[in-house]
N, C-alpha and C. Protein backbone atom coordinates (compact mmCIF):
# COMPACT_ATOMS: atom_id res chain seq x y z
N MET A 1 0.85 -1.11 0.01
CA MET A 1 0.10 -0.10 -0.22
C MET A 1 0.90 1.30 -0.18
N PRO A 2 0.90 2.18 -0.97
CA PRO A 2 1.39 3.17 -0.61
C PRO A 2 1.57 4.37 0.37
N ASN A 3 2.71 5.02 0.43
CA ASN A 3 2.94 5.74 1.50
C ASN A 3 1.71 6.93 1.25
N LEU A 4 0.60 7.70 2.23
CA LEU A 4 -0.45 8.40 1.35
C LEU A 4 0.40 9.90 1.54
N ALA A 5 1.57 9.93 2.15
CA ALA A 5 2.26 11.14 2.85
C ALA A 5 3.62 11.16 1.33
N SER A 6 3.41 10.67 0.64
CA SER A 6 4.41 10.61 -0.30
C SER A 6 3.92 11.69 -1.47
N VAL A 7 5.12 11.99 -2.30
CA VAL A 7 5.21 12.84 -3.61
C VAL A 7 4.83 12.15 -4.63
N SER A 8 3.67 11.99 -5.05
CA SER A 8 3.45 11.26 -6.30
C SER A 8 4.38 11.98 -7.53
N VAL A 9 4.93 10.88 -8.62
CA VAL A 9 5.27 11.67 -9.90
C VAL A 9 5.18 10.68 -10.59
N ALA A 10 5.09 11.61 -11.77
CA ALA A 10 4.85 11.27 -13.05
C ALA A 10 5.93 11.86 -14.07
N LEU A 11 5.92 11.09 -15.18
CA LEU A 11 7.18 11.39 -15.94
C LEU A 11 6.85 11.04 -17.56
N VAL A 12 7.35 11.77 -18.70
CA VAL A 12 7.20 11.67 -20.01
C VAL A 12 8.95 11.62 -20.78
N GLU A 13 9.11 10.42 -21.22
CA GLU A 13 10.40 10.33 -21.52
C GLU A 13 10.49 9.42 -22.72
N ASP A 14 10.87 9.77 -24.27
CA ASP A 14 10.78 8.73 -24.75
C ASP A 14 11.80 7.61 -25.21
N ASP A 15 12.74 7.69 -24.39
CA ASP A 15 13.54 6.52 -24.39
C ASP A 15 13.87 5.63 -23.40
N PRO A 16 13.14 4.52 -23.84
CA PRO A 16 13.09 3.26 -22.91
C PRO A 16 13.63 3.20 -21.70
N ALA A 17 15.02 3.02 -21.99
CA ALA A 17 16.12 2.87 -20.85
C ALA A 17 16.21 4.30 -20.14
N MET A 18 16.24 5.59 -20.66
CA MET A 18 16.13 6.40 -19.86
C MET A 18 14.98 6.55 -18.55
N ARG A 19 14.17 6.35 -19.53
CA ARG A 19 12.55 5.97 -18.36
C ARG A 19 12.58 5.31 -17.44
N GLU A 20 13.16 3.84 -17.69
CA GLU A 20 13.36 2.60 -16.75
C GLU A 20 14.15 3.59 -15.88
N ALA A 21 14.99 4.13 -16.24
CA ALA A 21 16.36 4.26 -15.04
C ALA A 21 15.81 5.80 -14.11
N LEU A 22 14.89 6.94 -14.62
CA LEU A 22 14.15 7.52 -13.99
C LEU A 22 13.29 6.89 -13.00
N GLU A 23 12.66 5.54 -13.51
CA GLU A 23 11.56 4.80 -12.68
C GLU A 23 11.79 4.65 -11.44
N ARG A 24 13.10 3.44 -11.88
CA ARG A 24 13.79 3.18 -11.07
C ARG A 24 14.60 3.99 -9.65
N VAL A 25 14.99 5.19 -10.11
CA VAL A 25 15.46 6.45 -8.85
C VAL A 25 14.01 6.61 -8.19
N ILE A 26 12.95 6.78 -8.73
CA ILE A 26 11.95 7.43 -7.93
C ILE A 26 11.31 6.47 -6.75
N ARG A 27 11.37 4.79 -7.84
CA ARG A 27 10.81 4.11 -6.56
C ARG A 27 11.79 3.66 -5.36
N ALA A 28 13.07 4.07 -5.89
CA ALA A 28 13.87 3.71 -4.32
C ALA A 28 13.74 4.73 -3.56
N GLU A 29 13.33 5.48 -3.87
CA GLU A 29 12.93 6.71 -2.68
C GLU A 29 11.80 6.99 -1.77
N PRO A 30 11.91 5.91 -0.24
CA PRO A 30 10.70 5.90 0.05
C PRO A 30 9.80 7.12 0.26
N SER A 31 9.82 8.60 0.15
CA SER A 31 9.21 9.72 -0.07
C SER A 31 8.71 10.25 -1.40
N LEU A 32 8.82 9.28 -2.38
CA LEU A 32 8.20 9.50 -3.22
C LEU A 32 7.40 8.29 -4.05
N ARG A 33 6.47 8.40 -4.56
CA ARG A 33 5.79 7.28 -5.00
C ARG A 33 5.64 7.84 -6.96
N PHE A 34 5.93 6.61 -7.51
CA PHE A 34 5.96 6.57 -8.45
C PHE A 34 4.53 6.22 -9.50
N ALA A 35 3.80 7.10 -10.18
CA ALA A 35 2.80 6.92 -10.36
C ALA A 35 2.57 6.69 -12.09
N PHE A 36 3.16 7.17 -12.71
CA PHE A 36 2.74 7.06 -13.96
C PHE A 36 4.30 7.65 -14.95
N GLY A 37 4.33 6.62 -15.75
CA GLY A 37 5.43 6.75 -17.31
C GLY A 37 4.80 6.69 -18.54
N ALA A 38 5.15 7.67 -19.34
CA ALA A 38 4.94 8.00 -20.66
C ALA A 38 5.80 8.02 -21.32
N SER A 39 5.66 7.51 -22.39
CA SER A 39 6.75 7.75 -23.96
C SER A 39 6.36 8.82 -24.82
N THR A 40 5.18 8.95 -24.37
CA THR A 40 4.71 10.50 -25.82
C THR A 40 3.55 11.17 -25.02
N ALA A 41 3.67 12.73 -25.40
CA ALA A 41 2.95 13.44 -24.79
C ALA A 41 1.25 13.28 -24.87
N ALA A 42 0.95 12.80 -26.00
CA ALA A 42 -0.17 12.17 -25.77
C ALA A 42 -0.96 11.18 -24.81
N GLU A 43 0.15 10.18 -24.54
CA GLU A 43 -0.01 9.36 -23.24
C GLU A 43 -0.24 10.31 -22.05
N LEU A 44 0.83 10.76 -22.17
CA LEU A 44 0.89 11.48 -20.61
C LEU A 44 -0.35 12.21 -20.55
N LEU A 45 -0.71 13.28 -21.37
CA LEU A 45 -1.98 14.26 -21.67
C LEU A 45 -3.52 13.66 -21.03
N ALA A 46 -3.19 12.29 -21.99
CA ALA A 46 -4.56 11.71 -21.56
C ALA A 46 -4.69 11.32 -20.37
N TRP A 47 -3.72 10.55 -19.57
CA TRP A 47 -3.69 10.15 -18.15
C TRP A 47 -3.58 11.33 -17.14
N PHE A 48 -2.95 12.30 -17.42
CA PHE A 48 -3.01 13.61 -16.68
C PHE A 48 -4.13 14.79 -16.46
N GLU A 49 -5.04 14.09 -17.44
CA GLU A 49 -6.34 14.84 -17.18
C GLU A 49 -7.27 14.36 -16.14
N SER A 50 -7.08 13.56 -15.90
CA SER A 50 -7.90 12.89 -14.33
C SER A 50 -6.99 12.08 -13.71
N HIS A 51 -5.61 12.49 -13.52
CA HIS A 51 -5.02 12.06 -12.02
C HIS A 51 -4.17 13.27 -11.19
N PRO A 52 -4.47 13.56 -10.30
CA PRO A 52 -3.74 14.88 -9.48
C PRO A 52 -2.76 14.26 -9.57
N ILE A 53 -1.76 15.01 -9.86
CA ILE A 53 0.17 14.79 -9.18
C ILE A 53 0.48 15.93 -8.69
N ASP A 54 1.75 15.74 -7.90
CA ASP A 54 2.05 16.74 -7.24
C ASP A 54 3.69 16.98 -8.36
N VAL A 55 4.24 15.69 -8.72
CA VAL A 55 5.75 16.45 -9.60
C VAL A 55 5.51 15.97 -10.73
N LEU A 56 5.46 16.71 -12.03
CA LEU A 56 5.95 15.73 -13.53
C LEU A 56 7.26 16.19 -14.17
N LEU A 57 7.86 15.29 -14.60
CA LEU A 57 9.08 15.41 -15.33
C LEU A 57 8.49 15.17 -16.32
N VAL A 58 9.29 16.59 -17.24
CA VAL A 58 9.09 16.31 -18.70
C VAL A 58 10.57 16.48 -19.78
N ASP A 59 10.80 15.34 -20.46
CA ASP A 59 11.54 15.56 -21.50
C ASP A 59 11.32 16.63 -22.97
N LEU A 60 12.10 17.76 -23.16
CA LEU A 60 11.53 18.24 -24.51
C LEU A 60 11.74 17.61 -25.78
N GLY A 61 12.27 16.53 -25.72
CA GLY A 61 12.20 16.15 -27.17
C GLY A 61 11.65 14.90 -27.60
N LEU A 62 10.61 15.04 -27.20
CA LEU A 62 8.88 14.07 -27.61
C LEU A 62 8.88 13.70 -29.06
N PRO A 63 8.54 12.55 -29.31
CA PRO A 63 8.16 12.07 -30.88
C PRO A 63 7.23 12.80 -31.74
N ASP A 64 6.14 13.16 -30.64
CA ASP A 64 4.76 13.85 -31.23
C ASP A 64 4.47 14.97 -31.12
N GLN A 65 5.11 15.49 -30.04
CA GLN A 65 4.76 17.13 -30.09
C GLN A 65 5.82 17.60 -28.97
N PRO A 66 6.52 19.11 -28.78
CA PRO A 66 7.30 19.64 -28.01
C PRO A 66 7.25 19.12 -26.42
N GLY A 67 7.88 19.27 -26.09
CA GLY A 67 7.64 19.06 -24.85
C GLY A 67 7.14 20.40 -23.56
N LEU A 68 7.55 21.11 -24.51
CA LEU A 68 7.16 23.16 -24.00
C LEU A 68 5.54 22.85 -23.90
N GLU A 69 5.31 22.44 -25.25
CA GLU A 69 3.48 22.20 -25.57
C GLU A 69 2.85 21.49 -24.33
N VAL A 70 3.79 20.33 -23.74
CA VAL A 70 3.07 19.38 -22.95
C VAL A 70 3.25 20.38 -21.46
N ILE A 71 4.03 21.27 -20.98
CA ILE A 71 4.29 21.65 -19.83
C ILE A 71 3.54 22.66 -19.86
N ARG A 72 2.91 23.37 -21.24
CA ARG A 72 1.86 24.31 -21.07
C ARG A 72 0.70 23.83 -20.88
N ARG A 73 0.24 22.95 -21.17
CA ARG A 73 -0.73 22.34 -21.57
C ARG A 73 -1.34 21.48 -19.96
N CYS A 74 -0.21 20.75 -19.26
CA CYS A 74 -0.28 20.70 -18.38
C CYS A 74 -0.44 21.65 -17.01
N ARG A 75 0.12 22.95 -17.44
CA ARG A 75 0.06 23.82 -16.44
C ARG A 75 -1.30 23.98 -16.60
N GLU A 76 -2.28 24.24 -17.22
CA GLU A 76 -3.69 24.41 -17.16
C GLU A 76 -4.54 23.67 -17.06
N LEU A 77 -4.05 22.33 -16.72
CA LEU A 77 -5.03 21.15 -16.59
C LEU A 77 -4.84 21.19 -15.01
N GLN A 78 -3.23 21.31 -14.40
CA GLN A 78 -3.36 21.09 -12.96
C GLN A 78 -2.05 22.23 -12.49
N PRO A 79 -2.59 23.45 -11.94
CA PRO A 79 -1.77 24.40 -11.99
C PRO A 79 -0.94 24.26 -10.90
N GLN A 80 -1.14 23.18 -9.98
CA GLN A 80 -0.63 23.59 -8.65
C GLN A 80 0.44 22.22 -8.88
N CYS A 81 0.45 21.40 -10.06
CA CYS A 81 1.51 20.28 -10.25
C CYS A 81 2.76 20.99 -10.44
N ALA A 82 4.08 20.45 -9.74
CA ALA A 82 5.40 21.44 -9.97
C ALA A 82 6.06 20.51 -11.22
N THR A 83 6.45 20.98 -12.02
CA THR A 83 7.12 20.42 -13.39
C THR A 83 8.33 21.04 -13.56
N MET A 84 9.50 19.84 -13.85
CA MET A 84 10.34 19.88 -14.28
C MET A 84 10.82 18.99 -15.66
N VAL A 85 11.89 19.88 -15.98
CA VAL A 85 12.52 19.85 -17.30
C VAL A 85 13.86 18.69 -17.31
N LEU A 86 13.83 17.45 -17.83
CA LEU A 86 14.71 16.87 -17.99
C LEU A 86 15.37 16.52 -19.25
N THR A 87 16.42 16.78 -19.52
CA THR A 87 16.62 17.18 -21.30
C THR A 87 18.25 17.10 -21.58
N ILE A 88 18.43 16.70 -22.76
CA ILE A 88 19.89 17.31 -23.44
C ILE A 88 19.77 18.45 -23.77
N PHE A 89 18.86 19.14 -23.84
CA PHE A 89 18.78 20.50 -24.40
C PHE A 89 19.36 21.61 -23.35
N GLY A 90 20.65 21.95 -23.50
CA GLY A 90 21.07 23.00 -22.49
C GLY A 90 21.14 24.40 -22.96
N ASP A 91 20.95 24.73 -24.30
CA ASP A 91 20.75 26.22 -24.52
C ASP A 91 19.61 26.84 -24.20
N GLU A 92 20.15 28.41 -24.42
CA GLU A 92 19.38 29.05 -23.04
C GLU A 92 17.98 29.42 -23.94
N VAL A 93 17.54 28.92 -25.38
CA VAL A 93 16.44 29.34 -25.80
C VAL A 93 15.27 28.30 -25.10
N ASN A 94 15.79 27.29 -25.08
CA ASN A 94 14.74 25.80 -24.32
C ASN A 94 14.66 26.52 -23.23
N MET A 95 15.76 26.47 -22.41
CA MET A 95 15.89 27.11 -21.14
C MET A 95 14.80 28.12 -20.65
N LEU A 96 14.57 29.08 -21.50
CA LEU A 96 13.72 30.70 -21.09
C LEU A 96 12.03 30.11 -21.38
N SER A 97 12.54 29.46 -22.54
CA SER A 97 10.84 28.78 -23.16
C SER A 97 10.36 28.00 -22.11
N ALA A 98 11.32 27.11 -21.40
CA ALA A 98 10.80 26.09 -20.57
C ALA A 98 9.84 26.99 -19.39
N PHE A 99 10.90 27.92 -18.74
CA PHE A 99 10.55 28.83 -17.47
C PHE A 99 8.88 29.35 -17.97
N GLU A 100 8.76 29.94 -19.16
CA GLU A 100 7.92 30.99 -19.55
C GLU A 100 6.68 29.93 -19.91
N ALA A 101 7.00 28.86 -20.40
CA ALA A 101 5.95 27.65 -20.04
C ALA A 101 5.11 27.22 -19.24
N GLY A 102 6.23 27.37 -17.93
CA GLY A 102 5.53 26.70 -16.63
C GLY A 102 6.64 26.19 -15.56
N ALA A 103 7.53 25.88 -16.20
CA ALA A 103 8.45 24.85 -15.70
C ALA A 103 9.20 25.56 -14.29
N SER A 104 9.10 24.78 -13.45
CA SER A 104 10.20 25.15 -11.96
C SER A 104 11.33 24.58 -12.08
N GLY A 105 11.65 23.91 -12.67
CA GLY A 105 13.17 23.27 -12.37
C GLY A 105 13.53 22.61 -14.09
N TYR A 106 15.15 22.64 -14.04
CA TYR A 106 15.42 22.63 -15.51
C TYR A 106 16.98 21.76 -14.94
N LEU A 107 16.74 20.15 -15.17
CA LEU A 107 17.97 19.63 -15.14
C LEU A 107 18.47 19.19 -16.54
N LEU A 108 19.66 18.88 -16.53
CA LEU A 108 20.21 18.12 -18.35
C LEU A 108 20.50 16.58 -17.47
N LYS A 109 20.36 16.03 -18.80
CA LYS A 109 20.63 14.21 -18.57
C LYS A 109 22.29 14.39 -18.64
N ASP A 110 23.08 14.91 -17.77
CA ASP A 110 24.62 14.80 -17.80
C ASP A 110 24.89 13.75 -16.18
N GLY A 111 24.12 12.90 -15.96
CA GLY A 111 24.48 11.96 -14.89
C GLY A 111 23.68 12.55 -13.66
N THR A 112 23.09 13.43 -13.95
CA THR A 112 22.18 14.17 -12.18
C THR A 112 20.89 13.00 -11.97
N GLU A 113 20.95 11.89 -12.58
CA GLU A 113 20.03 10.70 -11.87
C GLU A 113 20.32 10.32 -10.11
N ALA A 114 21.48 10.20 -9.78
CA ALA A 114 21.87 10.45 -8.66
C ALA A 114 20.83 11.10 -7.40
N ASP A 115 20.84 12.20 -8.07
CA ASP A 115 20.88 13.32 -7.18
C ASP A 115 19.00 13.51 -7.58
N LEU A 116 18.51 13.06 -8.49
CA LEU A 116 16.70 13.15 -9.06
C LEU A 116 16.35 13.20 -7.96
N ALA A 117 16.15 12.22 -6.75
CA ALA A 117 15.22 11.95 -5.75
C ALA A 117 15.01 13.57 -5.01
N ALA A 118 16.13 14.14 -4.44
CA ALA A 118 16.60 15.16 -3.57
C ALA A 118 15.93 16.54 -4.76
N HIS A 119 16.28 16.52 -6.03
CA HIS A 119 15.84 17.79 -6.46
C HIS A 119 14.09 17.56 -6.88
N ILE A 120 13.89 16.19 -6.98
CA ILE A 120 12.10 16.23 -6.70
C ILE A 120 11.70 17.04 -5.46
N LEU A 121 11.72 16.72 -4.51
CA LEU A 121 11.73 16.88 -3.33
C LEU A 121 11.88 18.13 -3.27
N SER A 122 13.02 18.80 -3.45
CA SER A 122 13.44 20.15 -3.28
C SER A 122 12.41 21.03 -4.28
N LEU A 123 11.87 20.51 -5.48
CA LEU A 123 10.89 20.91 -6.08
C LEU A 123 9.41 21.25 -5.88
N HIS A 124 9.29 20.04 -5.04
CA HIS A 124 8.29 19.77 -4.36
C HIS A 124 7.89 21.03 -3.06
N ALA A 125 8.90 21.26 -2.67
CA ALA A 125 8.93 21.94 -1.58
C ALA A 125 9.10 23.49 -1.79
N GLY A 126 8.80 24.03 -3.02
CA GLY A 126 8.88 25.20 -3.23
C GLY A 126 10.18 25.84 -4.22
N GLY A 127 11.19 24.71 -4.25
CA GLY A 127 12.64 25.02 -5.00
C GLY A 127 12.43 25.01 -6.30
N SER A 128 13.53 25.42 -6.83
CA SER A 128 13.78 25.79 -8.48
C SER A 128 14.94 24.52 -8.73
N PRO A 129 14.83 23.58 -8.80
CA PRO A 129 16.23 22.83 -8.86
C PRO A 129 16.92 23.17 -10.61
N MET A 130 18.14 23.41 -10.70
CA MET A 130 18.78 23.73 -11.92
C MET A 130 20.36 23.09 -12.02
N SER A 131 20.48 22.35 -13.28
CA SER A 131 21.74 22.19 -13.46
C SER A 131 23.11 23.32 -13.78
N PRO A 132 23.72 23.03 -12.72
CA PRO A 132 24.72 24.36 -12.72
C PRO A 132 25.41 25.01 -13.98
N THR A 133 25.09 24.24 -15.25
CA THR A 133 25.50 24.82 -16.46
C THR A 133 23.81 25.81 -16.72
N ILE A 134 23.07 25.57 -16.67
CA ILE A 134 21.89 26.13 -16.81
C ILE A 134 21.81 27.53 -15.59
N ALA A 135 22.06 27.27 -14.36
CA ALA A 135 22.05 28.43 -13.32
C ALA A 135 22.71 29.55 -13.67
N ARG A 136 24.39 29.14 -14.40
CA ARG A 136 25.16 29.85 -14.72
C ARG A 136 24.62 30.81 -15.78
N GLN A 137 24.13 29.87 -16.90
CA GLN A 137 23.22 30.89 -18.24
C GLN A 137 22.35 32.10 -17.59
N LEU A 138 21.80 31.27 -16.48
CA LEU A 138 20.63 32.72 -16.28
C LEU A 138 21.44 33.61 -15.35
N LEU A 139 22.50 33.38 -14.54
CA LEU A 139 23.15 34.50 -13.38
C LEU A 139 23.72 36.00 -15.21
N VAL A 140 24.46 34.56 -15.62
CA VAL A 140 25.16 35.63 -16.84
C VAL A 140 24.50 36.36 -17.60
N ARG A 141 23.00 35.79 -18.28
CA ARG A 141 21.86 36.93 -18.66
C ARG A 141 21.69 37.91 -17.68
N TRP A 142 21.18 37.74 -16.36
CA TRP A 142 20.42 38.44 -15.52
C TRP A 142 21.82 39.98 -15.27
N ARG A 143 22.99 38.98 -15.09
CA ARG A 143 24.14 40.40 -15.37
C ARG A 143 24.50 41.26 -15.99
N GLY A 144 23.68 40.52 -17.22
CA GLY A 144 24.09 41.40 -18.50
C GLY A 144 23.00 42.49 -18.83
N ARG A 145 21.86 42.31 -17.85
CA ARG A 145 20.97 43.55 -18.48
C ARG A 145 21.07 44.38 -18.10
N SER A 146 20.63 45.41 -19.14
CA SER A 146 21.19 46.79 -19.07
C SER A 146 19.73 47.54 -18.36
N PRO A 147 19.34 48.89 -17.70
CA PRO A 147 17.91 49.42 -18.07
C PRO A 147 17.22 49.36 -19.16
N ALA A 148 16.27 49.09 -19.20
CA ALA A 148 15.19 49.38 -20.46
C ALA A 148 15.29 50.81 -21.52
N GLN A 149 15.57 50.29 -22.68
CA GLN A 149 15.61 51.69 -23.53
C GLN A 149 14.52 51.22 -24.43
N PRO A 150 14.06 52.87 -24.88
CA PRO A 150 13.31 52.60 -25.95
C PRO A 150 13.37 51.72 -27.07
N ALA A 151 12.73 50.91 -27.66
CA ALA A 151 12.68 50.18 -29.01
C ALA A 151 12.01 50.88 -29.99
N ALA A 152 12.63 50.81 -31.38
CA ALA A 152 12.08 51.41 -32.36
C ALA A 152 11.25 49.81 -32.62
N VAL A 153 9.94 50.36 -32.83
CA VAL A 153 8.78 49.31 -33.35
C VAL A 153 8.75 48.76 -34.70
N PRO A 154 9.12 47.92 -35.22
CA PRO A 154 9.21 47.73 -36.54
C PRO A 154 7.97 47.66 -37.37
N SER A 155 8.22 47.76 -38.55
CA SER A 155 6.87 47.88 -39.41
C SER A 155 6.32 46.77 -39.41
N SER A 156 5.32 46.61 -39.91
CA SER A 156 4.37 45.28 -39.76
C SER A 156 4.89 44.38 -41.17
N ASP A 157 5.75 44.82 -41.73
CA ASP A 157 6.39 43.88 -42.82
C ASP A 157 7.60 43.42 -42.58
N ALA A 158 8.48 43.93 -41.63
CA ALA A 158 9.72 43.59 -40.74
C ALA A 158 10.40 42.33 -41.12
N LEU A 159 9.37 41.59 -40.60
CA LEU A 159 9.46 40.50 -40.63
C LEU A 159 8.50 39.51 -42.40
N SER A 160 9.35 38.59 -42.67
CA SER A 160 8.51 38.22 -43.75
C SER A 160 7.87 36.94 -43.46
N PRO A 161 6.88 36.40 -44.14
CA PRO A 161 6.05 35.77 -43.41
C PRO A 161 6.57 34.46 -43.15
N ARG A 162 7.35 33.96 -44.20
CA ARG A 162 8.59 32.79 -43.92
C ARG A 162 9.80 33.12 -42.41
N GLU A 163 10.18 34.03 -42.33
CA GLU A 163 11.16 34.54 -40.97
C GLU A 163 9.72 34.17 -39.92
N MET A 164 8.70 34.81 -40.07
CA MET A 164 7.81 34.65 -38.72
C MET A 164 7.50 33.33 -38.49
N GLU A 165 7.65 32.12 -39.80
CA GLU A 165 7.10 31.18 -39.07
C GLU A 165 8.18 30.09 -38.61
N VAL A 166 9.36 30.64 -39.52
CA VAL A 166 10.57 30.06 -38.43
C VAL A 166 10.52 30.63 -37.32
N LEU A 167 10.39 31.40 -36.76
CA LEU A 167 10.53 32.29 -35.13
C LEU A 167 9.43 31.67 -34.72
N SER A 168 8.35 31.43 -35.54
CA SER A 168 6.99 30.70 -34.28
C SER A 168 7.84 29.33 -34.01
N LEU A 169 8.00 28.76 -34.64
CA LEU A 169 8.64 27.22 -34.56
C LEU A 169 9.89 27.33 -33.50
N ILE A 170 10.32 27.93 -33.71
CA ILE A 170 11.90 28.08 -32.81
C ILE A 170 11.12 28.35 -31.06
N ALA A 171 10.34 29.40 -30.97
CA ALA A 171 9.66 29.33 -29.91
C ALA A 171 9.04 28.30 -29.76
N ARG A 172 8.29 27.73 -30.40
CA ARG A 172 7.99 26.40 -29.29
C ARG A 172 8.80 25.28 -29.32
N GLY A 173 10.01 25.44 -29.28
CA GLY A 173 10.93 24.50 -28.92
C GLY A 173 11.59 23.65 -30.01
N PHE A 174 11.45 23.65 -31.37
CA PHE A 174 12.10 22.95 -32.56
C PHE A 174 13.18 23.93 -32.82
N THR A 175 14.33 22.44 -33.00
CA THR A 175 15.45 22.58 -33.32
C THR A 175 15.43 23.28 -34.85
N TYR A 176 16.80 23.92 -35.44
CA TYR A 176 16.83 24.22 -36.47
C TYR A 176 16.37 23.13 -37.92
N ALA A 177 16.54 22.13 -37.30
CA ALA A 177 16.60 20.58 -38.41
C ALA A 177 15.11 20.41 -38.31
N GLU A 178 14.49 20.25 -37.18
CA GLU A 178 12.88 19.92 -37.18
C GLU A 178 12.39 21.34 -37.88
N VAL A 179 12.80 22.19 -37.75
CA VAL A 179 11.93 23.91 -38.08
C VAL A 179 12.18 23.40 -39.97
N ALA A 180 13.34 23.09 -40.15
CA ALA A 180 13.76 22.36 -41.55
C ALA A 180 12.94 21.46 -42.48
N ALA A 181 12.65 20.75 -41.53
CA ALA A 181 11.73 19.23 -41.87
C ALA A 181 10.25 19.92 -41.73
N ARG A 182 9.81 20.06 -40.54
CA ARG A 182 8.32 20.85 -40.41
C ARG A 182 8.06 21.97 -42.19
N MET A 183 8.96 22.89 -42.36
CA MET A 183 8.40 23.76 -43.62
C MET A 183 9.22 22.96 -44.54
N ASP A 184 9.14 21.84 -44.64
CA ASP A 184 9.92 21.48 -46.02
C ASP A 184 11.18 22.34 -46.77
N ILE A 185 12.14 22.53 -46.38
CA ILE A 185 12.96 23.47 -46.66
C ILE A 185 14.31 23.09 -46.16
N PHE A 186 15.56 23.54 -47.07
CA PHE A 186 17.19 23.10 -46.11
C PHE A 186 17.23 23.53 -45.02
N LEU A 187 17.74 22.74 -43.93
CA LEU A 187 18.67 23.42 -43.08
C LEU A 187 19.42 24.73 -43.20
N SER A 188 19.90 25.44 -44.46
CA SER A 188 20.83 26.11 -44.68
C SER A 188 20.05 27.20 -44.83
N THR A 189 18.59 26.85 -45.39
CA THR A 189 17.61 28.06 -45.42
C THR A 189 17.04 28.74 -44.42
N VAL A 190 17.26 27.80 -43.41
CA VAL A 190 16.58 27.95 -42.34
C VAL A 190 17.30 28.69 -41.26
N GLN A 191 18.64 28.56 -41.54
CA GLN A 191 19.95 29.22 -40.53
C GLN A 191 19.96 30.75 -41.45
N SER A 192 19.63 30.73 -43.00
CA SER A 192 19.99 31.85 -43.95
C SER A 192 18.42 32.96 -43.08
N HIS A 193 17.14 32.25 -42.52
CA HIS A 193 16.10 33.19 -42.08
C HIS A 193 16.73 33.48 -40.73
N VAL A 194 16.92 32.52 -40.06
CA VAL A 194 17.80 33.14 -38.53
C VAL A 194 18.76 34.54 -38.67
N ARG A 195 19.37 34.12 -39.53
CA ARG A 195 20.25 35.44 -39.44
C ARG A 195 19.96 36.65 -40.00
N ASN A 196 18.61 36.58 -41.24
CA ASN A 196 17.67 38.04 -41.33
C ASN A 196 17.00 38.14 -39.95
N ILE A 197 16.49 37.74 -39.36
CA ILE A 197 15.71 37.65 -38.19
C ILE A 197 16.56 38.59 -37.16
N TYR A 198 17.83 37.85 -36.95
CA TYR A 198 18.67 38.60 -36.01
C TYR A 198 18.65 39.97 -36.43
N GLY A 199 19.13 40.26 -37.82
CA GLY A 199 19.52 41.27 -38.17
C GLY A 199 18.50 42.35 -38.21
N LYS A 200 17.38 41.91 -38.31
CA LYS A 200 16.20 42.85 -38.29
C LYS A 200 15.71 43.48 -37.12
N LEU A 201 15.76 42.21 -35.87
CA LEU A 201 15.59 42.41 -34.61
C LEU A 201 16.51 42.93 -33.58
N ASP A 202 18.07 43.54 -34.55
CA ASP A 202 19.12 43.76 -34.00
C ASP A 202 19.65 43.03 -32.57
N VAL A 203 19.58 41.20 -32.64
CA VAL A 203 19.86 40.93 -31.47
C VAL A 203 21.15 40.01 -32.13
N HIS A 204 21.41 38.97 -31.17
CA HIS A 204 22.68 37.98 -31.34
C HIS A 204 22.68 36.68 -30.82
N ASN A 205 21.74 36.41 -30.43
CA ASN A 205 21.11 34.65 -30.34
C ASN A 205 19.57 34.60 -30.22
N LYS A 206 19.55 33.31 -30.04
CA LYS A 206 17.85 32.88 -30.06
C LYS A 206 17.29 33.45 -29.19
N ALA A 207 18.07 33.34 -27.61
CA ALA A 207 17.09 33.86 -26.85
C ALA A 207 16.58 34.99 -26.51
N GLU A 208 17.69 36.43 -27.53
CA GLU A 208 17.36 37.71 -27.39
C GLU A 208 16.44 37.89 -28.35
N ALA A 209 16.41 37.08 -29.34
CA ALA A 209 15.35 37.32 -30.69
C ALA A 209 14.20 36.92 -29.98
N LEU A 210 13.60 35.81 -29.28
CA LEU A 210 12.56 35.37 -28.59
C LEU A 210 12.06 36.86 -27.80
N PHE A 211 12.74 36.76 -26.93
CA PHE A 211 12.71 37.69 -26.00
C PHE A 211 11.88 39.29 -26.72
N GLU A 212 12.99 40.00 -27.64
CA GLU A 212 12.78 41.11 -28.59
C GLU A 212 11.30 40.97 -29.18
N ALA A 213 11.22 39.84 -29.80
CA ALA A 213 10.05 39.63 -30.48
C ALA A 213 8.71 39.29 -29.91
N ARG A 214 9.03 38.76 -28.53
CA ARG A 214 7.47 39.04 -27.47
C ARG A 214 7.43 40.56 -27.55
N GLN A 215 8.79 41.26 -26.78
CA GLN A 215 8.26 42.31 -26.23
C GLN A 215 7.67 43.49 -27.52
N LEU A 216 7.94 43.16 -28.53
CA LEU A 216 7.83 43.87 -29.73
C LEU A 216 6.13 43.66 -29.96
N GLY A 217 5.94 42.27 -29.63
CA GLY A 217 4.42 41.92 -29.72
C GLY A 217 4.10 41.10 -30.99
N ILE A 218 5.46 40.90 -31.68
CA ILE A 218 5.40 39.96 -32.92
C ILE A 218 4.93 38.59 -32.60
N LEU A 219 5.54 37.80 -31.15
CA LEU A 219 5.45 36.98 -30.86
C LEU A 219 4.36 37.46 -29.78
N SER A 220 3.54 36.31 -29.44
CA SER A 220 2.55 36.56 -28.36
C SER A 220 3.06 35.54 -27.27
């Protein structure tokens, strides 16, 4: 019979070996209760709608839809559920997008499994567990912020429709290769669009592009 005081945990991870490893770690901790493991977003969301849970672990690179969409949807379904990302993606865009979507923690799949139980308990207690690399990126970004200055609002045709489509897909967490596949264009074409977007928005990386686009109302 499960411990009624334990923290219930569900996860979505498409790699069977990784999913089993995470499940073992959770089951080995008496303070945690493994509730459900899914391999796709659809499977997780179907279960999640009718099962209250304390903590949800989400992989960003799911086969059927971006993990970022899963985080947003689960946040709507169960606002009280604390969500933590477990991913190989350590770039600033995915990190910031995950936090904006509703995640409260962000761990890289770099051998953090040994401390996973402690991270889950910390998350449930109100903490925001992060891999050192992620925490460092946030610190650097925060230190680099300057006082807000009026920005020139671009004209309605500042970004072309194709550039808008590329930017929208990137904002949803797709990689350049995935964007190319979804738009049926070459990877080099995507990279060219991204360079044009950077130039038009006067930014230097993906995180700045997404931030500037949202500030200007180009992205919601």
